[in-house]
């Protein structure tokens, strides 16, 4: 459980705020069609999401989580995927249930809020705007904002510095082992969503401080934490 009430909360995008798999799966399968290769379907793609679209493209080309495709094939495929995703960034994606309620609670309680994602800014910002949550965040750090991204702690530490909060007074809300590793390395508390993208593995195995099923549960988690 959360032991100390944070001053700042950083929130991941894919698998935490937004279910982006329907758009990503569509783009993966359309790319595979253009390459005359078998499509995968949404169920498989759901287990491959979470490390950026380049990694997703590589996984799609080999049909599995680990390994590398032929370099020439990747160089042909990746531009196709990027073009498709630029046109389909938020046509099928949606907020998870409880996100709006959770954000409204955090804003009303005066928490400093930031968004930290490994998704590039060209895809992240349109999604946040389209789904009406962009203006909730005082800082947005994307996968191409800094020289390193999660699981490196740099995006979290950068956000804390920018918002004037010590790491020990900060919390990350995410859904993957990458979020847990980044938080531990940064000295943040970490709460994970049970429903996110963790390659088919129960996020509880990564031992976050707490796991919740909906952001609507945040009042219970944070309300029981001791004041900083």
Foldseek 3Di string as FASTA:
>chain_A
DAAEQFQAEEEEPAFFFKPQLVLLLVLLQVLCVVVVHHRDDSVQLLLQDDQEPLQSNQCSQVVHNDDGDDPVVSVVRVVSSVVSCLVRLDPPMATDPQNVVLLVVCVVVNHAYEYAYLYDPSRVVVNCVVHPNNVSHPYYHYNPNDPHGFVALVVVVVVCVVVVHQQCRYEYEEAELRRVSNSVVRNHQYEYEQRGHHSPDGCVVSPGVYYDPHSNCVCVVNVPHHYD
